[in-house]
Amino acid sequence: MSDESDTGPEGLDPQGQGRSGPAVAGLVLYEKPWCPFCMRVEATLRSLGIELERRDIEQDAAAARELVEQGGSRMVPCLYIPDGGAGRWLYESSDITAYLRSLVEGDGGGASEA
């Protein structure tokens, strides 16, 4: 897995299967595989054809620390969005799926209430 400082798009599909353009570059999904809300986000990713970096906080202690220290909570799912500066941490599966859908619909993920 990656170290704490690396938030690059390592999880992107090298064959170009799935959406891996600039809109998803740098996005990181923090998750637990058994979490039903994480599964909901996974289903959205699959249906939209989006590939992004994913970090299992149960298997990756550094990712769990990063989530708490930078995101403010250990709650999953959590999507890190590199909005310049410190970035943005989006919790709640419904907010994450809405953001991902907005990327595909082309409005750039402009969920403005953050």
C-alpha atoms as a PDB file:
ATOM      1  CA  MET A   1       0.000   0.000   0.000  1.00  0.00           C
ATOM      2  CA  SER A   2       1.027   3.632  -0.168  1.00  0.00           C
ATOM      3  CA  ASP A   3       2.599   5.691   2.551  1.00  0.00           C
ATOM      4  CA  GLU A   4       0.796   8.537   4.297  1.00  0.00           C
ATOM      5  CA  SER A   5       2.077  11.305   2.055  1.00  0.00           C
ATOM      6  CA  ASP A   6       1.146   9.605  -1.200  1.00  0.00           C
ATOM      7  CA  THR A   7      -2.354  10.480  -2.358  1.00  0.00           C
ATOM      8  CA  GLY A   8      -1.699   9.916  -6.048  1.00  0.00           C
ATOM      9  CA  PRO A   9      -3.995   7.902  -8.275  1.00  0.00           C
ATOM     10  CA  GLU A  10      -2.219   4.555  -7.798  1.00  0.00           C
ATOM     11  CA  GLY A  11      -5.471   2.605  -7.974  1.00  0.00           C
ATOM     12  CA  LEU A  12      -6.239   3.689 -11.525  1.00  0.00           C
ATOM     13  CA  ASP A  13      -6.546   0.988 -14.134  1.00  0.00           C
ATOM     14  CA  PRO A  14      -3.405   0.998 -16.313  1.00  0.00           C
ATOM     15  CA  GLN A  15      -5.304  -0.394 -19.327  1.00  0.00           C
ATOM     16  CA  GLY A  16      -7.648   2.567 -19.305  1.00  0.00           C
ATOM     17  CA  GLN A  17     -10.691   0.546 -18.311  1.00  0.00           C
ATOM     18  CA  GLY A  18     -12.916   2.761 -16.256  1.00  0.00           C
ATOM     19  CA  ARG A  19     -12.840   6.505 -15.932  1.00  0.00           C
ATOM     20  CA  SER A  20      -9.369   7.656 -14.969  1.00  0.00           C
ATOM     21  CA  GLY A  21      -9.086  11.204 -16.320  1.00  0.00           C
ATOM     22  CA  PRO A  22      -8.295  14.383 -14.426  1.00  0.00           C
ATOM     23  CA  ALA A  23     -11.670  14.378 -12.649  1.00  0.00           C
ATOM     24  CA  VAL A  24     -10.721  11.313 -10.579  1.00  0.00           C
ATOM     25  CA  ALA A  25      -6.950  11.816 -10.366  1.00  0.00           C
ATOM     26  CA  GLY A  26      -6.047  12.178  -6.719  1.00  0.00           C
ATOM     27  CA  LEU A  27      -9.376  10.959  -5.342  1.00  0.00           C
ATOM     28  CA  VAL A  28      -8.912   8.423  -2.545  1.00  0.00           C
ATOM     29  CA  LEU A  29     -11.689   6.322  -1.037  1.00  0.00           C
ATOM     30  CA  TYR A  30     -11.171   5.178   2.563  1.00  0.00           C
ATOM     31  CA  GLU A  31     -13.257   2.111   3.310  1.00  0.00           C
ATOM     32  CA  LYS A  32     -13.812  -1.205   5.077  1.00  0.00           C
ATOM     33  CA  PRO A  33     -14.740  -4.092   2.752  1.00  0.00           C
ATOM     34  CA  TRP A  34     -17.625  -5.355   4.919  1.00  0.00           C
ATOM     35  CA  CYS A  35     -19.241  -1.929   5.472  1.00  0.00           C
ATOM     36  CA  PRO A  36     -22.675  -1.753   3.767  1.00  0.00           C
ATOM     37  CA  PHE A  37     -22.273   1.979   3.070  1.00  0.00           C
ATOM     38  CA  CYS A  38     -18.864   1.320   1.492  1.00  0.00           C
ATOM     39  CA  MET A  39     -20.500  -1.382  -0.626  1.00  0.00           C
ATOM     40  CA  ARG A  40     -23.042   1.185  -1.803  1.00  0.00           C
ATOM     41  CA  VAL A  41     -20.196   3.480  -2.944  1.00  0.00           C
ATOM     42  CA  GLU A  42     -18.462   0.480  -4.575  1.00  0.00           C
ATOM     43  CA  ALA A  43     -21.629  -0.273  -6.563  1.00  0.00           C
ATOM     44  CA  THR A  44     -21.762   3.341  -7.752  1.00  0.00           C
ATOM     45  CA  LEU A  45     -18.096   3.259  -8.781  1.00  0.00           C
ATOM     46  CA  ARG A  46     -18.721   0.058 -10.730  1.00  0.00           C
ATOM     47  CA  SER A  47     -21.880   1.341 -12.422  1.00  0.00           C
ATOM     48  CA  LEU A  48     -20.186   4.596 -13.441  1.00  0.00           C
ATOM     49  CA  GLY A  49     -17.000   2.866 -14.571  1.00  0.00           C
ATOM     50  CA  ILE A  50     -14.825   4.897 -12.215  1.00  0.00           C
ATOM     51  CA  GLU A  51     -11.501   3.546 -10.966  1.00  0.00           C
ATOM     52  CA  LEU A  52      -9.794   5.367  -8.120  1.00  0.00           C
ATOM     53  CA  GLU A  53      -7.367   4.707  -5.313  1.00  0.00           C
ATOM     54  CA  ARG A  54      -8.919   2.853  -2.393  1.00  0.00           C
ATOM     55  CA  ARG A  55      -7.575   2.339   1.098  1.00  0.00           C
ATOM     56  CA  ASP A  56      -8.842  -0.331   3.471  1.00  0.00           C
ATOM     57  CA  ILE A  57      -8.420   1.212   6.918  1.00  0.00           C
ATOM     58  CA  GLU A  58      -8.589  -2.206   8.598  1.00  0.00           C
ATOM     59  CA  GLN A  59      -5.611  -3.534   6.613  1.00  0.00           C
ATOM     60  CA  ASP A  60      -3.638  -0.287   6.340  1.00  0.00           C
ATOM     61  CA  ALA A  61      -2.850   1.318   9.718  1.00  0.00           C
ATOM     62  CA  ALA A  62      -1.212   4.331   8.047  1.00  0.00           C
ATOM     63  CA  ALA A  63      -4.404   4.965   6.056  1.00  0.00           C
ATOM     64  CA  ALA A  64      -6.496   4.736   9.231  1.00  0.00           C
ATOM     65  CA  ARG A  65      -4.208   7.267  10.951  1.00  0.00           C
ATOM     66  CA  GLU A  66      -4.308   9.543   7.922  1.00  0.00           C
ATOM     67  CA  LEU A  67      -8.108   9.415   7.841  1.00  0.00           C
ATOM     68  CA  VAL A  68      -8.389  10.429  11.498  1.00  0.00           C
ATOM     69  CA  GLU A  69      -5.590  13.009  11.520  1.00  0.00           C
ATOM     70  CA  GLN A  70      -6.466  14.736   8.269  1.00  0.00           C
ATOM     71  CA  GLY A  71     -10.144  13.923   7.787  1.00  0.00           C
ATOM     72  CA  GLY A  72     -11.119  14.326  11.419  1.00  0.00           C
ATOM     73  CA  SER A  73     -13.009  11.045  11.865  1.00  0.00           C
ATOM     74  CA  ARG A  74     -12.499   7.298  11.457  1.00  0.00           C
ATOM     75  CA  MET A  75     -15.900   6.987   9.795  1.00  0.00           C
ATOM     76  CA  VAL A  76     -16.084   5.242   6.420  1.00  0.00           C
ATOM     77  CA  PRO A  77     -16.713   5.569   3.608  1.00  0.00           C
ATOM     78  CA  CYS A  78     -14.780   8.778   3.190  1.00  0.00           C
ATOM     79  CA  LEU A  79     -13.688  10.282  -0.101  1.00  0.00           C
ATOM     80  CA  TYR A  80     -10.638  12.538  -0.161  1.00  0.00           C
ATOM     81  CA  ILE A  81     -10.965  15.205  -2.859  1.00  0.00           C
ATOM     82  CA  PRO A  82      -7.787  17.151  -3.678  1.00  0.00           C
ATOM     83  CA  ASP A  83      -9.397  20.615  -3.971  1.00  0.00           C
ATOM     84  CA  GLY A  84      -6.073  22.413  -3.670  1.00  0.00           C
ATOM     85  CA  GLY A  85      -4.619  23.282  -0.291  1.00  0.00           C
ATOM     86  CA  ALA A  86      -5.540  20.660   2.283  1.00  0.00           C
ATOM     87  CA  GLY A  87      -8.197  19.082   0.094  1.00  0.00           C
ATOM     88  CA  ARG A  88     -11.685  18.107   1.140  1.00  0.00           C
ATOM     89  CA  TRP A  89     -12.916  15.058   3.071  1.00  0.00           C
ATOM     90  CA  LEU A  90     -16.386  13.914   2.061  1.00  0.00           C
ATOM     91  CA  TYR A  91     -18.184  11.564   4.445  1.00  0.00           C
ATOM     92  CA  GLU A  92     -21.604   9.915   3.994  1.00  0.00           C
ATOM     93  CA  SER A  93     -22.186   7.415   1.207  1.00  0.00           C
ATOM     94  CA  SER A  94     -25.054   9.427  -0.299  1.00  0.00           C
ATOM     95  CA  ASP A  95     -22.860  12.547  -0.568  1.00  0.00           C
ATOM     96  CA  ILE A  96     -20.018  10.504  -2.064  1.00  0.00           C
ATOM     97  CA  THR A  97     -22.254   8.843  -4.655  1.00  0.00           C
ATOM     98  CA  ALA A  98     -23.802  12.207  -5.587  1.00  0.00           C
ATOM     99  CA  TYR A  99     -20.321  13.692  -6.028  1.00  0.00           C
ATOM    100  CA  LEU A 100     -19.195  10.761  -8.203  1.00  0.00           C
ATOM    101  CA  ARG A 101     -22.326  11.008 -10.348  1.00  0.00           C
ATOM    102  CA  SER A 102     -21.695  14.739 -10.805  1.00  0.00           C
ATOM    103  CA  LEU A 103     -18.222  13.933 -12.160  1.00  0.00           C
ATOM    104  CA  VAL A 104     -19.708  11.666 -14.806  1.00  0.00           C
ATOM    105  CA  GLU A 105     -22.496  14.124 -15.648  1.00  0.00           C
ATOM    106  CA  GLY A 106     -19.827  16.728 -16.329  1.00  0.00           C
ATOM    107  CA  ASP A 107     -20.437  19.471 -13.797  1.00  0.00           C
ATOM    108  CA  GLY A 108     -17.006  18.857 -12.289  1.00  0.00           C
ATOM    109  CA  GLY A 109     -18.237  17.634  -8.945  1.00  0.00           C
ATOM    110  CA  GLY A 110     -19.356  21.047  -7.946  1.00  0.00           C
ATOM    111  CA  ALA A 111     -21.061  20.055  -4.725  1.00  0.00           C
ATOM    112  CA  SER A 112     -20.782  23.574  -3.354  1.00  0.00           C
ATOM    113  CA  GLU A 113     -22.050  23.160   0.177  1.00  0.00           C
ATOM    114  CA  ALA A 114     -18.727  21.859   1.506  1.00  0.00           C
END
